[in-house]
Amino acid sequence: MRTFLGAYWGNRKESVRACAERLERFVTDIQASDPSFSRWFRKGRTLKGAHSAIDMSVDEIQRLLKTNNRDDNGQPIQELGFGFSAWNGERCSLAAQMGSFSSPTPNSVLLETRDELPMSTWKHVADCAIAAFDPDALIVTSDELSAKSSAVPIWTRPGLINFRRAS
């Protein structure tokens, strides 16, 4: 069963360095909660390419944060911020879209695993995400639980853990 954490927030223009610092804080803080969060690899088009280890330092994350570029001229679309993705080489992935300041494009961090983790681990990971990303909403849920209310935005669905910033 797939379980995932999603942290979501609205427009927040941030530099690539600020985004890298947030991601580094998160991955550093969650390492102690489960061994599956202790190493990360680049995603690749081939298995060999997908086993290139990432030094999850601020400098390396900053280098790996990618802009969304225009199809016609390859120029960055600044208002869409930066994207990042990694996996642990087994059954866990991490994806982020950060620094966006365009209304239709929310900022988010998604941590997904097919491993069964105790609720205490998910609680720790959720606390780390709230501290690192200052999201408007956060959910920890499973495919099974999420499917029961698929007609509404993911962050408003019932979850194993739900967080919403007070207005």
Foldseek 3Di string as FASTA:
>chain_A
DKKKKKFWAFADADDLLLVLQLQLQLLVQLCVLDVLSVWKFACDPDLVNQRHTFPSDSVRSSVQWAFDADPPPRHGPQQFATKHKIGSSPFKIKIWGDRHRDGVHITMIMIMGPDDDDPVSVVSSVVSNCVRPVGQKMAIAGPVQCVVPVVDPSRPGDHPDIDGDDD
